[in-house]
Every structure is written in C-alpha cells, then in structure tokens.
PDB file of N, CA and C in Angstrom:
ATOM      1  N   MET A   1       0.817  -1.193   0.000  1.00  0.00           N
ATOM      2  CA  MET A   1       0.000   0.000   0.000  1.00  0.00           C
ATOM      3  C   MET A   1       0.865   1.264   0.000  1.00  0.00           C
ATOM      4  N   ALA A   2       1.958   1.276   0.816  1.00  0.00           N
ATOM      5  CA  ALA A   2       2.838   2.449   0.873  1.00  0.00           C
ATOM      6  C   ALA A   2       3.478   2.710  -0.478  1.00  0.00           C
ATOM      7  N   VAL A   3       3.836   1.633  -1.178  1.00  0.00           N
ATOM      8  CA  VAL A   3       4.458   1.786  -2.493  1.00  0.00           C
ATOM      9  C   VAL A   3       3.485   2.449  -3.455  1.00  0.00           C
ATOM     10  N   ASN A   4       2.220   2.017  -3.440  1.00  0.00           N
ATOM     11  CA  ASN A   4       1.217   2.619  -4.310  1.00  0.00           C
ATOM     12  C   ASN A   4       1.019   4.099  -4.003  1.00  0.00           C
ATOM     13  N   MET A   5       1.036   4.450  -2.720  1.00  0.00           N
ATOM     14  CA  MET A   5       0.882   5.843  -2.332  1.00  0.00           C
ATOM     15  C   MET A   5       2.074   6.655  -2.837  1.00  0.00           C
ATOM     16  N   ALA A   6       3.277   6.112  -2.687  1.00  0.00           N
ATOM     17  CA  ALA A   6       4.474   6.805  -3.152  1.00  0.00           C
ATOM     18  C   ALA A   6       4.424   6.999  -4.663  1.00  0.00           C
ATOM     19  N   ILE A   7       4.075   5.962  -5.412  1.00  0.00           N
ATOM     20  CA  ILE A   7       4.021   6.048  -6.873  1.00  0.00           C
ATOM     21  C   ILE A   7       2.959   7.051  -7.308  1.00  0.00           C
ATOM     22  N   SER A   8       1.807   7.023  -6.661  1.00  0.00           N
ATOM     23  CA  SER A   8       0.734   7.963  -6.988  1.00  0.00           C
ATOM     24  C   SER A   8       1.196   9.404  -6.777  1.00  0.00           C
ATOM     25  N   ARG A   9       1.847   9.658  -5.677  1.00  0.00           N
ATOM     26  CA  ARG A   9       2.329  11.015  -5.385  1.00  0.00           C
ATOM     27  C   ARG A   9       3.416  11.416  -6.373  1.00  0.00           C
ATOM     28  N   ILE A  10       4.337  10.526  -6.678  1.00  0.00           N
ATOM     29  CA  ILE A  10       5.413  10.834  -7.610  1.00  0.00           C
ATOM     30  C   ILE A  10       4.848  11.167  -8.987  1.00  0.00           C
ATOM     31  N   LYS A  11       3.864  10.397  -9.437  1.00  0.00           N
ATOM     32  CA  LYS A  11       3.243  10.677 -10.744  1.00  0.00           C
ATOM     33  C   LYS A  11       2.629  12.071 -10.766  1.00  0.00           C
ATOM     34  N   ARG A  12       1.945  12.438  -9.704  1.00  0.00           N
ATOM     35  CA  ARG A  12       1.326  13.760  -9.622  1.00  0.00           C
ATOM     36  C   ARG A  12       2.405  14.854  -9.633  1.00  0.00           C
ATOM     37  N   GLU A  13       3.461  14.662  -8.864  1.00  0.00           N
ATOM     38  CA  GLU A  13       4.535  15.648  -8.820  1.00  0.00           C
ATOM     39  C   GLU A  13       5.273  15.733 -10.147  1.00  0.00           C
ATOM     40  N   PHE A  14       5.464  14.598 -10.796  1.00  0.00           N
ATOM     41  CA  PHE A  14       6.143  14.567 -12.086  1.00  0.00           C
ATOM     42  C   PHE A  14       5.387  15.442 -13.091  1.00  0.00           C
ATOM     43  N   LYS A  15       4.065  15.319 -13.093  1.00  0.00           N
ATOM     44  CA  LYS A  15       3.245  16.154 -13.981  1.00  0.00           C
ATOM     45  C   LYS A  15       3.404  17.634 -13.633  1.00  0.00           C
ATOM     46  N   GLU A  16       3.451  17.952 -12.342  1.00  0.00           N
ATOM     47  CA  GLU A  16       3.624  19.334 -11.914  1.00  0.00           C
ATOM     48  C   GLU A  16       4.985  19.879 -12.350  1.00  0.00           C
ATOM     49  N   VAL A  17       6.018  19.065 -12.241  1.00  0.00           N
ATOM     50  CA  VAL A  17       7.353  19.482 -12.668  1.00  0.00           C
ATOM     51  C   VAL A  17       7.343  19.817 -14.148  1.00  0.00           C
ATOM     52  N   LEU A  18       6.689  18.982 -14.941  1.00  0.00           N
ATOM     53  CA  LEU A  18       6.658  19.211 -16.385  1.00  0.00           C
ATOM     54  C   LEU A  18       5.937  20.498 -16.761  1.00  0.00           C
ATOM     55  N   LYS A  19       5.047  20.971 -15.883  1.00  0.00           N
ATOM     56  CA  LYS A  19       4.303  22.211 -16.147  1.00  0.00           C
ATOM     57  C   LYS A  19       4.950  23.438 -15.493  1.00  0.00           C
ATOM     58  N   SER A  20       5.987  23.251 -14.711  1.00  0.00           N
ATOM     59  CA  SER A  20       6.548  24.342 -13.915  1.00  0.00           C
ATOM     60  C   SER A  20       7.277  25.383 -14.755  1.00  0.00           C
ATOM     61  N   ASP A  21       7.436  26.558 -14.188  1.00  0.00           N
ATOM     62  CA  ASP A  21       8.143  27.646 -14.860  1.00  0.00           C
ATOM     63  C   ASP A  21       9.593  27.267 -15.167  1.00  0.00           C
ATOM     64  N   GLU A  22      10.229  26.544 -14.246  1.00  0.00           N
ATOM     65  CA  GLU A  22      11.620  26.149 -14.475  1.00  0.00           C
ATOM     66  C   GLU A  22      11.758  25.311 -15.734  1.00  0.00           C
ATOM     67  N   ILE A  23      10.792  24.437 -15.977  1.00  0.00           N
ATOM     68  CA  ILE A  23      10.823  23.609 -17.181  1.00  0.00           C
ATOM     69  C   ILE A  23      10.656  24.476 -18.416  1.00  0.00           C
ATOM     70  N   THR A  24       9.690  25.377 -18.384  1.00  0.00           N
ATOM     71  CA  THR A  24       9.458  26.199 -19.565  1.00  0.00           C
ATOM     72  C   THR A  24      10.637  27.124 -19.847  1.00  0.00           C
ATOM     73  N   GLN A  25      11.403  27.462 -18.834  1.00  0.00           N
ATOM     74  CA  GLN A  25      12.591  28.283 -19.021  1.00  0.00           C
ATOM     75  C   GLN A  25      13.829  27.424 -19.279  1.00  0.00           C
ATOM     76  N   CYS A  26      13.645  26.098 -19.325  1.00  0.00           N
ATOM     77  CA  CYS A  26      14.724  25.132 -19.589  1.00  0.00           C
ATOM     78  C   CYS A  26      15.815  25.129 -18.525  1.00  0.00           C
ATOM     79  N   ALA A  27      15.492  25.553 -17.307  1.00  0.00           N
ATOM     80  CA  ALA A  27      16.482  25.541 -16.247  1.00  0.00           C
ATOM     81  C   ALA A  27      16.617  24.154 -15.625  1.00  0.00           C
ATOM     82  N   ILE A  28      15.522  23.363 -15.627  1.00  0.00           N
ATOM     83  CA  ILE A  28      15.594  22.010 -15.093  1.00  0.00           C
ATOM     84  C   ILE A  28      14.873  21.049 -16.026  1.00  0.00           C
ATOM     85  N   LYS A  29      15.325  19.804 -15.979  1.00  0.00           N
ATOM     86  CA  LYS A  29      14.659  18.734 -16.722  1.00  0.00           C
ATOM     87  C   LYS A  29      14.568  17.533 -15.789  1.00  0.00           C
ATOM     88  N   LEU A  30      13.575  16.721 -16.017  1.00  0.00           N
ATOM     89  CA  LEU A  30      13.377  15.531 -15.212  1.00  0.00           C
ATOM     90  C   LEU A  30      12.835  14.440 -16.110  1.00  0.00           C
ATOM     91  N   GLU A  31      13.434  13.243 -16.036  1.00  0.00           N
ATOM     92  CA  GLU A  31      12.949  12.133 -16.860  1.00  0.00           C
ATOM     93  C   GLU A  31      13.028  10.830 -16.087  1.00  0.00           C
ATOM     94  N   LEU A  32      12.151   9.911 -16.474  1.00  0.00           N
ATOM     95  CA  LEU A  32      12.121   8.587 -15.860  1.00  0.00           C
ATOM     96  C   LEU A  32      13.292   7.756 -16.373  1.00  0.00           C
ATOM     97  N   GLN A  33      13.796   6.883 -15.532  1.00  0.00           N
ATOM     98  CA  GLN A  33      14.800   5.920 -15.937  1.00  0.00           C
ATOM     99  C   GLN A  33      14.144   4.543 -15.957  1.00  0.00           C
ATOM    100  N   ASN A  34      14.262   3.835 -17.048  1.00  0.00           N
ATOM    101  CA  ASN A  34      13.690   2.488 -17.166  1.00  0.00           C
ATOM    102  C   ASN A  34      12.195   2.474 -16.853  1.00  0.00           C
ATOM    103  N   ASP A  35      11.475   3.522 -17.253  1.00  0.00           N
ATOM    104  CA  ASP A  35      10.032   3.623 -17.022  1.00  0.00           C
ATOM    105  C   ASP A  35       9.645   3.470 -15.561  1.00  0.00           C
ATOM    106  N   SER A  36      10.560   3.832 -14.672  1.00  0.00           N
ATOM    107  CA  SER A  36      10.303   3.721 -13.243  1.00  0.00           C
ATOM    108  C   SER A  36      10.093   5.104 -12.642  1.00  0.00           C
ATOM    109  N   PHE A  37       9.040   5.264 -11.862  1.00  0.00           N
ATOM    110  CA  PHE A  37       8.811   6.532 -11.191  1.00  0.00           C
ATOM    111  C   PHE A  37       9.646   6.661  -9.919  1.00  0.00           C
ATOM    112  N   THR A  38      10.420   5.643  -9.582  1.00  0.00           N
ATOM    113  CA  THR A  38      11.265   5.751  -8.402  1.00  0.00           C
ATOM    114  C   THR A  38      12.723   6.024  -8.757  1.00  0.00           C
ATOM    115  N   ASP A  39      13.085   5.884 -10.006  1.00  0.00           N
ATOM    116  CA  ASP A  39      14.437   6.191 -10.456  1.00  0.00           C
ATOM    117  C   ASP A  39      14.347   7.233 -11.564  1.00  0.00           C
ATOM    118  N   LEU A  40      14.838   8.424 -11.244  1.00  0.00           N
ATOM    119  CA  LEU A  40      14.728   9.550 -12.151  1.00  0.00           C
ATOM    120  C   LEU A  40      16.110  10.102 -12.472  1.00  0.00           C
ATOM    121  N   ARG A  41      16.199  10.798 -13.567  1.00  0.00           N
ATOM    122  CA  ARG A  41      17.408  11.524 -13.916  1.00  0.00           C
ATOM    123  C   ARG A  41      17.008  12.982 -14.067  1.00  0.00           C
ATOM    124  N   GLY A  42      17.763  13.848 -13.421  1.00  0.00           N
ATOM    125  CA  GLY A  42      17.507  15.271 -13.494  1.00  0.00           C
ATOM    126  C   GLY A  42      18.639  15.988 -14.192  1.00  0.00           C
ATOM    127  N   GLU A  43      18.341  17.155 -14.672  1.00  0.00           N
ATOM    128  CA  GLU A  43      19.354  18.002 -15.300  1.00  0.00           C
ATOM    129  C   GLU A  43      19.056  19.440 -14.916  1.00  0.00           C
ATOM    130  N   ILE A  44      20.077  20.148 -14.457  1.00  0.00           N
ATOM    131  CA  ILE A  44      19.915  21.558 -14.153  1.00  0.00           C
ATOM    132  C   ILE A  44      20.988  22.346 -14.884  1.00  0.00           C
ATOM    133  N   THR A  45      20.638  23.563 -15.235  1.00  0.00           N
ATOM    134  CA  THR A  45      21.561  24.456 -15.916  1.00  0.00           C
ATOM    135  C   THR A  45      22.123  25.426 -14.888  1.00  0.00           C
ATOM    136  N   GLY A  46      23.414  25.671 -14.967  1.00  0.00           N
ATOM    137  CA  GLY A  46      24.037  26.622 -14.050  1.00  0.00           C
ATOM    138  C   GLY A  46      23.436  28.002 -14.196  1.00  0.00           C
ATOM    139  N   PRO A  47      23.134  28.656 -13.081  1.00  0.00           N
ATOM    140  CA  PRO A  47      22.492  29.963 -13.141  1.00  0.00           C
ATOM    141  C   PRO A  47      23.433  31.049 -13.665  1.00  0.00           C
ATOM    142  N   PRO A  48      22.864  32.078 -14.276  1.00  0.00           N
ATOM    143  CA  PRO A  48      23.673  33.184 -14.792  1.00  0.00           C
ATOM    144  C   PRO A  48      24.456  33.883 -13.677  1.00  0.00           C
ATOM    145  N   ASP A  49      25.551  34.478 -14.054  1.00  0.00           N
ATOM    146  CA  ASP A  49      26.390  35.257 -13.136  1.00  0.00           C
ATOM    147  C   ASP A  49      26.947  34.435 -11.980  1.00  0.00           C
ATOM    148  N   THR A  50      27.173  33.149 -12.224  1.00  0.00           N
ATOM    149  CA  THR A  50      27.822  32.283 -11.245  1.00  0.00           C
ATOM    150  C   THR A  50      28.932  31.521 -11.973  1.00  0.00           C
ATOM    151  N   PRO A  51      29.825  30.902 -11.237  1.00  0.00           N
ATOM    152  CA  PRO A  51      30.856  30.095 -11.903  1.00  0.00           C
ATOM    153  C   PRO A  51      30.268  28.894 -12.670  1.00  0.00           C
ATOM    154  N   TYR A  52      29.002  28.575 -12.403  1.00  0.00           N
ATOM    155  CA  TYR A  52      28.346  27.425 -13.036  1.00  0.00           C
ATOM    156  C   TYR A  52      27.573  27.812 -14.302  1.00  0.00           C
ATOM    157  N   GLU A  53      27.577  29.107 -14.641  1.00  0.00           N
ATOM    158  CA  GLU A  53      26.834  29.617 -15.794  1.00  0.00           C
ATOM    159  C   GLU A  53      27.178  28.829 -17.057  1.00  0.00           C
ATOM    160  N   ASN A  54      26.147  28.507 -17.813  1.00  0.00           N
ATOM    161  CA  ASN A  54      26.250  27.747 -19.073  1.00  0.00           C
ATOM    162  C   ASN A  54      26.619  26.282 -18.879  1.00  0.00           C
ATOM    163  N   GLY A  55      26.757  25.849 -17.645  1.00  0.00           N
ATOM    164  CA  GLY A  55      27.033  24.435 -17.392  1.00  0.00           C
ATOM    165  C   GLY A  55      25.749  23.634 -17.348  1.00  0.00           C
ATOM    166  N   THR A  56      25.851  22.362 -17.700  1.00  0.00           N
ATOM    167  CA  THR A  56      24.720  21.443 -17.599  1.00  0.00           C
ATOM    168  C   THR A  56      25.134  20.345 -16.633  1.00  0.00           C
ATOM    169  N   PHE A  57      24.330  20.106 -15.621  1.00  0.00           N
ATOM    170  CA  PHE A  57      24.686  19.194 -14.547  1.00  0.00           C
ATOM    171  C   PHE A  57      23.620  18.110 -14.406  1.00  0.00           C
ATOM    172  N   LEU A  58      24.057  16.856 -14.470  1.00  0.00           N
ATOM    173  CA  LEU A  58      23.145  15.714 -14.378  1.00  0.00           C
ATOM    174  C   LEU A  58      23.058  15.216 -12.948  1.00  0.00           C
ATOM    175  N   LEU A  59      21.841  14.814 -12.565  1.00  0.00           N
ATOM    176  CA  LEU A  59      21.602  14.282 -11.230  1.00  0.00           C
ATOM    177  C   LEU A  59      20.900  12.935 -11.314  1.00  0.00           C
ATOM    178  N   GLU A  60      21.173  12.114 -10.353  1.00  0.00           N
ATOM    179  CA  GLU A  60      20.490  10.828 -10.188  1.00  0.00           C
ATOM    180  C   GLU A  60      19.577  10.977  -8.980  1.00  0.00           C
ATOM    181  N   ILE A  61      18.318  10.601  -9.146  1.00  0.00           N
ATOM    182  CA  ILE A  61      17.325  10.762  -8.089  1.00  0.00           C
ATOM    183  C   ILE A  61      16.650   9.417  -7.847  1.00  0.00           C
ATOM    184  N   HIS A  62      16.741   8.944  -6.621  1.00  0.00           N
ATOM    185  CA  HIS A  62      16.054   7.705  -6.254  1.00  0.00           C
ATOM    186  C   HIS A  62      14.995   8.051  -5.211  1.00  0.00           C
ATOM    187  N   ILE A  63      13.756   7.673  -5.499  1.00  0.00           N
ATOM    188  CA  ILE A  63      12.639   7.935  -4.597  1.00  0.00           C
ATOM    189  C   ILE A  63      12.367   6.661  -3.791  1.00  0.00           C
ATOM    190  N   PRO A  64      12.471   6.725  -2.467  1.00  0.00           N
ATOM    191  CA  PRO A  64      12.238   5.525  -1.657  1.00  0.00           C
ATOM    192  C   PRO A  64      10.759   5.133  -1.612  1.00  0.00           C
ATOM    193  N   GLU A  65      10.495   3.884  -1.290  1.00  0.00           N
ATOM    194  CA  GLU A  65       9.109   3.391  -1.173  1.00  0.00           C
ATOM    195  C   GLU A  65       8.343   4.127  -0.088  1.00  0.00           C
ATOM    196  N   THR A  66       9.059   4.735   0.841  1.00  0.00           N
ATOM    197  CA  THR A  66       8.429   5.440   1.962  1.00  0.00           C
ATOM    198  C   THR A  66       8.192   6.927   1.670  1.00  0.00           C
ATOM    199  N   TYR A  67       8.408   7.332   0.425  1.00  0.00           N
ATOM    200  CA  TYR A  67       8.144   8.707   0.009  1.00  0.00           C
ATOM    201  C   TYR A  67       6.635   8.965   0.092  1.00  0.00           C
ATOM    202  N   PRO A  68       6.178  10.056   0.556  1.00  0.00           N
ATOM    203  CA  PRO A  68       6.837  11.321   0.848  1.00  0.00           C
ATOM    204  C   PRO A  68       7.306  11.483   2.284  1.00  0.00           C
ATOM    205  N   PHE A  69       7.243  10.428   3.085  1.00  0.00           N
ATOM    206  CA  PHE A  69       7.639  10.541   4.485  1.00  0.00           C
ATOM    207  C   PHE A  69       9.143  10.540   4.657  1.00  0.00           C
ATOM    208  N   ASN A  70       9.858  10.071   3.649  1.00  0.00           N
ATOM    209  CA  ASN A  70      11.315  10.109   3.627  1.00  0.00           C
ATOM    210  C   ASN A  70      11.763  10.786   2.337  1.00  0.00           C
ATOM    211  N   PRO A  71      12.877  11.513   2.403  1.00  0.00           N
ATOM    212  CA  PRO A  71      13.300  12.289   1.232  1.00  0.00           C
ATOM    213  C   PRO A  71      13.883  11.421   0.121  1.00  0.00           C
ATOM    214  N   PRO A  72      13.885  11.976  -1.091  1.00  0.00           N
ATOM    215  CA  PRO A  72      14.566  11.283  -2.179  1.00  0.00           C
ATOM    216  C   PRO A  72      16.074  11.323  -1.946  1.00  0.00           C
ATOM    217  N   LYS A  73      16.782  10.391  -2.527  1.00  0.00           N
ATOM    218  CA  LYS A  73      18.249  10.386  -2.510  1.00  0.00           C
ATOM    219  C   LYS A  73      18.678  11.042  -3.813  1.00  0.00           C
ATOM    220  N   VAL A  74      19.412  12.127  -3.713  1.00  0.00           N
ATOM    221  CA  VAL A  74      19.806  12.886  -4.891  1.00  0.00           C
ATOM    222  C   VAL A  74      21.321  13.030  -4.902  1.00  0.00           C
ATOM    223  N   LYS A  75      21.926  12.759  -6.061  1.00  0.00           N
ATOM    224  CA  LYS A  75      23.360  12.988  -6.174  1.00  0.00           C
ATOM    225  C   LYS A  75      23.708  13.445  -7.585  1.00  0.00           C
ATOM    226  N   PHE A  76      24.762  14.206  -7.666  1.00  0.00           N
ATOM    227  CA  PHE A  76      25.251  14.678  -8.943  1.00  0.00           C
ATOM    228  C   PHE A  76      26.011  13.571  -9.648  1.00  0.00           C
ATOM    229  N   ILE A  77      25.721  13.377 -10.907  1.00  0.00           N
ATOM    230  CA  ILE A  77      26.503  12.475 -11.750  1.00  0.00           C
ATOM    231  C   ILE A  77      27.666  13.269 -12.343  1.00  0.00           C
ATOM    232  N   THR A  78      27.387  14.506 -12.719  1.00  0.00           N
ATOM    233  CA  THR A  78      28.410  15.401 -13.245  1.00  0.00           C
ATOM    234  C   THR A  78      29.327  15.813 -12.103  1.00  0.00           C
ATOM    235  N   LYS A  79      30.638  15.714 -12.318  1.00  0.00           N
ATOM    236  CA  LYS A  79      31.596  16.175 -11.313  1.00  0.00           C
ATOM    237  C   LYS A  79      31.470  17.688 -11.176  1.00  0.00           C
ATOM    238  N   ILE A  80      31.417  18.143  -9.936  1.00  0.00           N
ATOM    239  CA  ILE A  80      31.223  19.564  -9.670  1.00  0.00           C
ATOM    240  C   ILE A  80      31.848  19.889  -8.318  1.00  0.00           C
ATOM    241  N   TRP A  81      32.409  21.088  -8.215  1.00  0.00           N
ATOM    242  CA  TRP A  81      32.874  21.552  -6.915  1.00  0.00           C
ATOM    243  C   TRP A  81      31.842  22.522  -6.372  1.00  0.00           C
ATOM    244  N   HIS A  82      31.344  22.204  -5.197  1.00  0.00           N
ATOM    245  CA  HIS A  82      30.383  23.055  -4.503  1.00  0.00           C
ATOM    246  C   HIS A  82      30.428  22.656  -3.031  1.00  0.00           C
ATOM    247  N   PRO A  83      30.360  23.605  -2.103  1.00  0.00           N
ATOM    248  CA  PRO A  83      30.472  23.255  -0.681  1.00  0.00           C
ATOM    249  C   PRO A  83      29.377  22.317  -0.170  1.00  0.00           C
ATOM    250  N   ASN A  84      28.230  22.246  -0.852  1.00  0.00           N
ATOM    251  CA  ASN A  84      27.142  21.372  -0.410  1.00  0.00           C
ATOM    252  C   ASN A  84      27.058  20.078  -1.194  1.00  0.00           C
ATOM    253  N   ILE A  85      28.097  19.769  -1.976  1.00  0.00           N
ATOM    254  CA  ILE A  85      28.092  18.556  -2.786  1.00  0.00           C
ATOM    255  C   ILE A  85      29.367  17.779  -2.513  1.00  0.00           C
ATOM    256  N   SER A  86      29.222  16.502  -2.203  1.00  0.00           N
ATOM    257  CA  SER A  86      30.382  15.656  -1.937  1.00  0.00           C
ATOM    258  C   SER A  86      31.218  15.504  -3.205  1.00  0.00           C
ATOM    259  N   SER A  87      32.501  15.806  -3.096  1.00  0.00           N
ATOM    260  CA  SER A  87      33.389  15.667  -4.245  1.00  0.00           C
ATOM    261  C   SER A  87      33.671  14.203  -4.561  1.00  0.00           C
ATOM    262  N   VAL A  88      33.401  13.317  -3.627  1.00  0.00           N
ATOM    263  CA  VAL A  88      33.651  11.884  -3.821  1.00  0.00           C
ATOM    264  C   VAL A  88      32.425  11.178  -4.398  1.00  0.00           C
ATOM    265  N   THR A  89      31.259  11.379  -3.767  1.00  0.00           N
ATOM    266  CA  THR A  89      30.061  10.636  -4.175  1.00  0.00           C
ATOM    267  C   THR A  89      29.082  11.444  -5.020  1.00  0.00           C
ATOM    268  N   GLY A  90      29.188  12.766  -4.987  1.00  0.00           N
ATOM    269  CA  GLY A  90      28.224  13.613  -5.686  1.00  0.00           C
ATOM    270  C   GLY A  90      26.954  13.861  -4.889  1.00  0.00           C
ATOM    271  N   ALA A  91      26.877  13.311  -3.679  1.00  0.00           N
ATOM    272  CA  ALA A  91      25.682  13.473  -2.844  1.00  0.00           C
ATOM    273  C   ALA A  91      25.511  14.932  -2.443  1.00  0.00           C
ATOM    274  N   ILE A  92      24.265  15.380  -2.448  1.00  0.00           N
ATOM    275  CA  ILE A  92      23.949  16.742  -2.028  1.00  0.00           C
ATOM    276  C   ILE A  92      23.767  16.728  -0.518  1.00  0.00           C
ATOM    277  N   CYS A  93      24.533  17.561   0.160  1.00  0.00           N
ATOM    278  CA  CYS A  93      24.523  17.602   1.622  1.00  0.00           C
ATOM    279  C   CYS A  93      23.686  18.778   2.098  1.00  0.00           C
ATOM    280  N   LEU A  94      22.390  18.593   2.164  1.00  0.00           N
ATOM    281  CA  LEU A  94      21.476  19.634   2.613  1.00  0.00           C
ATOM    282  C   LEU A  94      20.491  19.062   3.619  1.00  0.00           C
ATOM    283  N   ASP A  95      20.111  19.885   4.586  1.00  0.00           N
ATOM    284  CA  ASP A  95      19.155  19.454   5.600  1.00  0.00           C
ATOM    285  C   ASP A  95      17.828  19.003   5.006  1.00  0.00           C
ATOM    286  N   ILE A  96      17.380  19.657   3.894  1.00  0.00           N
ATOM    287  CA  ILE A  96      16.076  19.279   3.344  1.00  0.00           C
ATOM    288  C   ILE A  96      16.084  17.864   2.773  1.00  0.00           C
ATOM    289  N   LEU A  97      17.253  17.319   2.526  1.00  0.00           N
ATOM    290  CA  LEU A  97      17.339  15.937   2.040  1.00  0.00           C
ATOM    291  C   LEU A  97      17.677  14.970   3.165  1.00  0.00           C
ATOM    292  N   LYS A  98      17.636  15.477   4.394  1.00  0.00           N
ATOM    293  CA  LYS A  98      17.922  14.637   5.557  1.00  0.00           C
ATOM    294  C   LYS A  98      16.924  14.943   6.662  1.00  0.00           C
ATOM    295  N   ASP A  99      17.427  15.555   7.740  1.00  0.00           N
ATOM    296  CA  ASP A  99      16.628  15.787   8.941  1.00  0.00           C
ATOM    297  C   ASP A  99      15.497  16.803   8.784  1.00  0.00           C
ATOM    298  N   SER A 100      15.633  17.755   7.890  1.00  0.00           N
ATOM    299  CA  SER A 100      14.617  18.802   7.750  1.00  0.00           C
ATOM    300  C   SER A 100      13.556  18.481   6.704  1.00  0.00           C
ATOM    301  N   TRP A 101      13.595  17.284   6.165  1.00  0.00           N
ATOM    302  CA  TRP A 101      12.595  16.883   5.169  1.00  0.00           C
ATOM    303  C   TRP A 101      11.231  16.805   5.841  1.00  0.00           C
ATOM    304  N   ALA A 102      10.202  17.243   5.134  1.00  0.00           N
ATOM    305  CA  ALA A 102       8.821  17.129   5.610  1.00  0.00           C
ATOM    306  C   ALA A 102       7.988  16.536   4.480  1.00  0.00           C
ATOM    307  N   ALA A 103       6.972  15.779   4.818  1.00  0.00           N
ATOM    308  CA  ALA A 103       6.128  15.123   3.820  1.00  0.00           C
ATOM    309  C   ALA A 103       5.456  16.124   2.876  1.00  0.00           C
ATOM    310  N   ALA A 104       5.351  17.373   3.293  1.00  0.00           N
ATOM    311  CA  ALA A 104       4.750  18.389   2.430  1.00  0.00           C
ATOM    312  C   ALA A 104       5.700  18.835   1.314  1.00  0.00           C
ATOM    313  N   MET A 105       6.985  18.509   1.437  1.00  0.00           N
ATOM    314  CA  MET A 105       7.951  18.878   0.398  1.00  0.00           C
ATOM    315  C   MET A 105       7.763  17.975  -0.821  1.00  0.00           C
ATOM    316  N   THR A 106       8.293  18.445  -1.945  1.00  0.00           N
ATOM    317  CA  THR A 106       8.125  17.719  -3.205  1.00  0.00           C
ATOM    318  C   THR A 106       9.465  17.518  -3.906  1.00  0.00           C
ATOM    319  N   ILE A 107       9.409  16.816  -5.025  1.00  0.00           N
ATOM    320  CA  ILE A 107      10.611  16.628  -5.832  1.00  0.00           C
ATOM    321  C   ILE A 107      11.179  17.984  -6.247  1.00  0.00           C
ATOM    322  N   VAL A 108      10.321  18.933  -6.557  1.00  0.00           N
ATOM    323  CA  VAL A 108      10.779  20.262  -6.952  1.00  0.00           C
ATOM    324  C   VAL A 108      11.558  20.919  -5.809  1.00  0.00           C
ATOM    325  N   SER A 109      11.215  20.609  -4.559  1.00  0.00           N
ATOM    326  CA  SER A 109      11.956  21.158  -3.425  1.00  0.00           C
ATOM    327  C   SER A 109      13.434  20.815  -3.514  1.00  0.00           C
ATOM    328  N   THR A 110      13.741  19.664  -4.061  1.00  0.00           N
ATOM    329  CA  THR A 110      15.142  19.253  -4.167  1.00  0.00           C
ATOM    330  C   THR A 110      15.870  20.047  -5.236  1.00  0.00           C
ATOM    331  N   TYR A 111      15.159  20.617  -6.175  1.00  0.00           N
ATOM    332  CA  TYR A 111      15.757  21.420  -7.225  1.00  0.00           C
ATOM    333  C   TYR A 111      15.908  22.881  -6.821  1.00  0.00           C
ATOM    334  N   GLN A 112      15.037  23.351  -5.961  1.00  0.00           N
ATOM    335  CA  GLN A 112      14.975  24.785  -5.705  1.00  0.00           C
ATOM    336  C   GLN A 112      16.201  25.344  -5.021  1.00  0.00           C
ATOM    337  N   TRP A 113      17.001  24.528  -4.397  1.00  0.00           N
ATOM    338  CA  TRP A 113      18.223  25.040  -3.783  1.00  0.00           C
ATOM    339  C   TRP A 113      19.209  25.483  -4.836  1.00  0.00           C
ATOM    340  N   LYS A 114      19.147  24.830  -6.008  1.00  0.00           N
ATOM    341  CA  LYS A 114      20.054  25.069  -7.136  1.00  0.00           C
ATOM    342  C   LYS A 114      21.486  25.189  -6.640  1.00  0.00           C
ATOM    343  N   PHE A 115      22.149  26.268  -6.938  1.00  0.00           N
ATOM    344  CA  PHE A 115      23.567  26.395  -6.604  1.00  0.00           C
ATOM    345  C   PHE A 115      23.822  27.427  -5.522  1.00  0.00           C
ATOM    346  N   SER A 116      22.796  27.780  -4.758  1.00  0.00           N
ATOM    347  CA  SER A 116      23.021  28.747  -3.700  1.00  0.00           C
ATOM    348  C   SER A 116      23.798  28.068  -2.579  1.00  0.00           C
ATOM    349  N   THR A 117      24.494  28.848  -1.802  1.00  0.00           N
ATOM    350  CA  THR A 117      25.261  28.275  -0.691  1.00  0.00           C
ATOM    351  C   THR A 117      24.725  28.746   0.626  1.00  0.00           C
TER     352      THR A 117
END
C-alpha cells in the first residue's frame, strides 16, 4: 500500500514538474529511468552570473518506497565543486534531504536550492 501511495504522489509531482516555470525556461529537466517513477534523472543548468553559468549538470534521483515521508536520494553524476556537494560521491549535503525533510515537500523542493550556498 505504501508503495502505491508513493508512486501515486510521484506521478502527480512529475506532472507538476513538467508544467513548472523552471521547465518552460529550460532551467531544469526531469525524466524517468527504465520507465520507473522511483528512479529519475535530473538536469539543471548553471544559473547566470555564477561560476556554473552555461554548465549542464546531471543528477540521479532515487525515490524511496516510503516517500513522501522520507526524502529522495539525490546525487550529482556530473563532477562539480560546490560546498554542499560531496566531491567523492556527488551526494547533495542539505538538511532538506535529511533531517529537515517534511512530507509536504516535493521533488521540486530538491531542485529549488540550485547552486546557492
């Protein structure tokens, strides 16, 4: 039952992401991997006036069966230097992906931090 709830919520959020302003501005992309709503690939573009400008950065996103009560696991596939990103694993080190996660947060919440420090 929990898996069905997680998949249902992910499908709804996926549709919302596809309609979001960030998508229409091409700042973020999100796609399914192997037709699975629990394994996603993300892409974000480096914001203007930052060292990441014009860069394209790929992310791997795994949604646990206990979503939305537990956060997605997100890591960079593209090598990047950033104080909130592990240089070894690519894992994003932010409270919203750990202790500060709340069930009201969404997949888009994981994107909204972008490259701010």
